[in-house]
Amino acid sequence: MASYRVFIKPSAAKELEGVPLRDRRRLVARIGRLASDPRPGGCEKLTGAERYRIRLGAWRVLYTIEDDVVRVVVVRIGHRREVYR
């Protein structure tokens, strides 16, 4: 299986900067692992959009998978109470 390229939208990168440092490190590691497995255990496809979600404590990472160009694009990163709005 080919390794996916992971892109983070500038808006998601800005949201990541607002995450506390300890959680940010864990999120970056988890996002990096999406390159080898874009549909890890625990990920969920969201209804109404071609997006997926992974959870890390109270934080959520929303992303799209483009299988035809072997790319994962991180769209949003945020706290669980705010990320779906």
N, C-alpha and C. Protein backbone atom coordinates (compact mmCIF):
# COMPACT_ATOMS: atom_id res chain seq x y z
N MET A 1 0.84 -1.18 0.00
CA MET A 1 0.00 0.00 0.00
C MET A 1 0.89 1.24 0.00
N ALA A 2 0.56 2.18 -0.84
CA ALA A 2 1.35 3.41 -0.96
C ALA A 2 1.13 4.31 0.25
N SER A 3 2.15 5.04 0.59
CA SER A 3 2.06 5.99 1.70
C SER A 3 1.35 7.25 1.21
N TYR A 4 0.41 7.72 2.00
CA TYR A 4 -0.34 8.93 1.66
C TYR A 4 0.49 10.15 2.05
N ARG A 5 0.27 11.24 1.35
CA ARG A 5 0.87 12.52 1.73
C ARG A 5 -0.15 13.26 2.58
N VAL A 6 0.29 13.82 3.68
CA VAL A 6 -0.59 14.52 4.60
C VAL A 6 -0.39 16.03 4.44
N PHE A 7 -1.48 16.73 4.15
CA PHE A 7 -1.47 18.18 4.04
C PHE A 7 -2.37 18.75 5.13
N ILE A 8 -1.94 19.85 5.72
CA ILE A 8 -2.75 20.54 6.72
C ILE A 8 -3.10 21.91 6.16
N LYS A 9 -4.40 22.19 6.06
CA LYS A 9 -4.83 23.49 5.56
C LYS A 9 -4.31 24.57 6.50
N PRO A 10 -4.02 25.76 5.97
CA PRO A 10 -3.52 26.85 6.83
C PRO A 10 -4.45 27.17 8.00
N SER A 11 -5.76 27.09 7.76
CA SER A 11 -6.70 27.36 8.85
C SER A 11 -6.60 26.30 9.94
N ALA A 12 -6.38 25.04 9.56
CA ALA A 12 -6.23 23.96 10.55
C ALA A 12 -4.90 24.11 11.29
N ALA A 13 -3.85 24.57 10.59
CA ALA A 13 -2.57 24.78 11.25
C ALA A 13 -2.69 25.89 12.29
N LYS A 14 -3.48 26.90 12.00
CA LYS A 14 -3.69 27.98 12.95
C LYS A 14 -4.46 27.47 14.17
N GLU A 15 -5.43 26.60 13.93
CA GLU A 15 -6.19 26.00 15.04
C GLU A 15 -5.27 25.13 15.90
N LEU A 16 -4.33 24.45 15.26
CA LEU A 16 -3.40 23.59 15.99
C LEU A 16 -2.50 24.41 16.91
N GLU A 17 -2.16 25.63 16.50
CA GLU A 17 -1.32 26.49 17.34
C GLU A 17 -2.02 26.87 18.65
N GLY A 18 -3.34 26.85 18.67
CA GLY A 18 -4.09 27.18 19.87
C GLY A 18 -4.25 26.04 20.85
N VAL A 19 -3.80 24.86 20.48
CA VAL A 19 -3.90 23.68 21.34
C VAL A 19 -2.74 23.70 22.33
N PRO A 20 -2.99 23.36 23.60
CA PRO A 20 -1.88 23.29 24.57
C PRO A 20 -0.76 22.37 24.08
N LEU A 21 0.47 22.71 24.44
CA LEU A 21 1.66 22.05 23.90
C LEU A 21 1.64 20.54 24.06
N ARG A 22 1.27 20.04 25.23
CA ARG A 22 1.28 18.59 25.47
C ARG A 22 0.33 17.88 24.51
N ASP A 23 -0.87 18.43 24.36
CA ASP A 23 -1.85 17.83 23.45
C ASP A 23 -1.44 18.04 22.00
N ARG A 24 -0.79 19.17 21.70
CA ARG A 24 -0.36 19.45 20.34
C ARG A 24 0.63 18.40 19.86
N ARG A 25 1.57 18.02 20.70
CA ARG A 25 2.54 16.99 20.32
C ARG A 25 1.85 15.68 19.99
N ARG A 26 0.88 15.31 20.80
CA ARG A 26 0.14 14.06 20.55
C ARG A 26 -0.67 14.15 19.27
N LEU A 27 -1.27 15.32 19.01
CA LEU A 27 -2.05 15.49 17.78
C LEU A 27 -1.16 15.41 16.54
N VAL A 28 0.01 16.05 16.60
CA VAL A 28 0.92 16.04 15.45
C VAL A 28 1.37 14.61 15.16
N ALA A 29 1.67 13.84 16.20
CA ALA A 29 2.07 12.45 16.00
C ALA A 29 0.94 11.64 15.39
N ARG A 30 -0.27 11.87 15.86
CA ARG A 30 -1.43 11.13 15.34
C ARG A 30 -1.72 11.51 13.90
N ILE A 31 -1.60 12.79 13.56
CA ILE A 31 -1.80 13.24 12.19
C ILE A 31 -0.73 12.63 11.28
N GLY A 32 0.50 12.56 11.75
CA GLY A 32 1.58 11.96 10.97
C GLY A 32 1.33 10.50 10.65
N ARG A 33 0.69 9.79 11.57
CA ARG A 33 0.39 8.37 11.34
C ARG A 33 -0.69 8.16 10.29
N LEU A 34 -1.43 9.22 9.94
CA LEU A 34 -2.44 9.10 8.89
C LEU A 34 -1.80 8.80 7.53
N ALA A 35 -0.52 9.12 7.37
CA ALA A 35 0.17 8.85 6.11
C ALA A 35 0.25 7.36 5.83
N SER A 36 0.45 6.57 6.86
CA SER A 36 0.56 5.12 6.65
C SER A 36 -0.80 4.43 6.72
N ASP A 37 -1.73 4.99 7.48
CA ASP A 37 -3.06 4.39 7.60
C ASP A 37 -4.10 5.50 7.71
N PRO A 38 -4.69 5.94 6.60
CA PRO A 38 -5.65 7.05 6.65
C PRO A 38 -6.99 6.69 7.29
N ARG A 39 -7.24 5.42 7.48
CA ARG A 39 -8.48 4.97 8.14
C ARG A 39 -8.12 4.09 9.34
N PRO A 40 -7.52 4.69 10.37
CA PRO A 40 -7.10 3.88 11.52
C PRO A 40 -8.28 3.40 12.34
N GLY A 41 -8.04 2.47 13.23
CA GLY A 41 -9.09 2.03 14.12
C GLY A 41 -9.60 3.20 14.94
N GLY A 42 -10.90 3.31 15.06
CA GLY A 42 -11.47 4.42 15.81
C GLY A 42 -11.85 5.62 14.97
N CYS A 43 -11.44 5.66 13.71
CA CYS A 43 -11.84 6.78 12.87
C CYS A 43 -13.30 6.56 12.46
N GLU A 44 -13.97 7.64 12.18
CA GLU A 44 -15.38 7.54 11.81
C GLU A 44 -15.67 8.45 10.63
N LYS A 45 -16.41 7.93 9.68
CA LYS A 45 -16.82 8.74 8.53
C LYS A 45 -18.00 9.59 8.97
N LEU A 46 -17.93 10.87 8.71
CA LEU A 46 -18.99 11.78 9.12
C LEU A 46 -20.11 11.79 8.08
N THR A 47 -21.32 11.95 8.56
CA THR A 47 -22.46 12.00 7.66
C THR A 47 -22.58 13.39 7.07
N GLY A 48 -23.06 13.48 5.87
CA GLY A 48 -23.29 14.76 5.23
C GLY A 48 -22.09 15.32 4.49
N ALA A 49 -20.92 14.71 4.65
CA ALA A 49 -19.73 15.21 3.97
C ALA A 49 -18.76 14.05 3.79
N GLU A 50 -17.85 14.19 2.88
CA GLU A 50 -16.83 13.16 2.66
C GLU A 50 -15.65 13.42 3.60
N ARG A 51 -15.92 13.47 4.88
CA ARG A 51 -14.89 13.73 5.88
C ARG A 51 -14.83 12.59 6.87
N TYR A 52 -13.68 12.49 7.49
CA TYR A 52 -13.46 11.50 8.54
C TYR A 52 -13.03 12.23 9.80
N ARG A 53 -13.15 11.53 10.92
CA ARG A 53 -12.80 12.12 12.20
C ARG A 53 -11.97 11.14 13.01
N ILE A 54 -10.93 11.66 13.65
CA ILE A 54 -10.23 10.88 14.66
C ILE A 54 -10.30 11.66 15.96
N ARG A 55 -10.35 10.93 17.07
CA ARG A 55 -10.45 11.55 18.38
C ARG A 55 -9.15 11.37 19.14
N LEU A 56 -8.82 12.36 19.93
CA LEU A 56 -7.67 12.27 20.82
C LEU A 56 -8.04 13.04 22.08
N GLY A 57 -8.59 12.31 23.05
CA GLY A 57 -9.09 12.97 24.25
C GLY A 57 -10.26 13.86 23.88
N ALA A 58 -10.18 15.14 24.26
CA ALA A 58 -11.25 16.08 23.95
C ALA A 58 -11.05 16.75 22.60
N TRP A 59 -9.97 16.41 21.90
CA TRP A 59 -9.64 17.05 20.62
C TRP A 59 -10.09 16.19 19.45
N ARG A 60 -10.48 16.84 18.36
CA ARG A 60 -10.92 16.15 17.15
C ARG A 60 -10.14 16.67 15.96
N VAL A 61 -9.83 15.75 15.04
CA VAL A 61 -9.18 16.10 13.78
C VAL A 61 -10.12 15.66 12.67
N LEU A 62 -10.56 16.61 11.85
CA LEU A 62 -11.42 16.31 10.71
C LEU A 62 -10.58 16.38 9.45
N TYR A 63 -10.72 15.38 8.60
CA TYR A 63 -9.88 15.32 7.40
C TYR A 63 -10.61 14.62 6.27
N THR A 64 -10.11 14.86 5.06
CA THR A 64 -10.63 14.19 3.88
C THR A 64 -9.55 13.27 3.34
N ILE A 65 -9.98 12.22 2.66
CA ILE A 65 -9.05 11.28 2.05
C ILE A 65 -9.29 11.31 0.54
N GLU A 66 -8.24 11.58 -0.20
CA GLU A 66 -8.32 11.59 -1.66
C GLU A 66 -7.51 10.39 -2.17
N ASP A 67 -8.20 9.27 -2.35
CA ASP A 67 -7.52 8.03 -2.74
C ASP A 67 -6.92 8.10 -4.13
N ASP A 68 -7.54 8.86 -5.03
CA ASP A 68 -7.04 8.91 -6.41
C ASP A 68 -5.68 9.60 -6.51
N VAL A 69 -5.39 10.55 -5.63
CA VAL A 69 -4.08 11.23 -5.64
C VAL A 69 -3.25 10.87 -4.41
N VAL A 70 -3.71 9.91 -3.63
CA VAL A 70 -3.01 9.39 -2.44
C VAL A 70 -2.64 10.55 -1.51
N ARG A 71 -3.70 11.24 -1.03
CA ARG A 71 -3.48 12.42 -0.19
C ARG A 71 -4.53 12.48 0.92
N VAL A 72 -4.09 12.92 2.09
CA VAL A 72 -4.96 13.20 3.23
C VAL A 72 -4.86 14.69 3.51
N VAL A 73 -6.00 15.36 3.60
CA VAL A 73 -6.02 16.80 3.85
C VAL A 73 -6.73 17.05 5.18
N VAL A 74 -6.00 17.58 6.15
CA VAL A 74 -6.59 17.92 7.45
C VAL A 74 -7.32 19.24 7.29
N VAL A 75 -8.62 19.22 7.60
CA VAL A 75 -9.48 20.37 7.37
C VAL A 75 -9.68 21.19 8.65
N ARG A 76 -9.92 20.52 9.78
CA ARG A 76 -10.17 21.22 11.04
C ARG A 76 -9.54 20.47 12.19
N ILE A 77 -9.13 21.22 13.19
CA ILE A 77 -8.63 20.66 14.44
C ILE A 77 -9.24 21.50 15.55
N GLY A 78 -9.87 20.85 16.51
CA GLY A 78 -10.47 21.65 17.58
C GLY A 78 -11.00 20.81 18.71
N HIS A 79 -11.46 21.51 19.73
CA HIS A 79 -12.06 20.86 20.88
C HIS A 79 -13.40 20.26 20.48
N ARG A 80 -13.77 19.21 21.11
CA ARG A 80 -14.98 18.48 20.70
C ARG A 80 -16.25 19.32 20.76
N ARG A 81 -16.31 20.30 21.64
CA ARG A 81 -17.52 21.11 21.74
C ARG A 81 -17.62 22.16 20.64
N GLU A 82 -16.52 22.42 19.91
CA GLU A 82 -16.52 23.48 18.92
C GLU A 82 -16.28 23.03 17.48
N VAL A 83 -15.68 21.87 17.29
CA VAL A 83 -15.16 21.50 15.98
C VAL A 83 -16.25 21.21 14.94
N TYR A 84 -17.41 20.80 15.36
CA TYR A 84 -18.46 20.42 14.40
C TYR A 84 -19.33 21.60 13.98
N ARG A 85 -19.13 22.77 14.54
CA ARG A 85 -19.96 23.94 14.22
C ARG A 85 -19.55 24.57 12.94
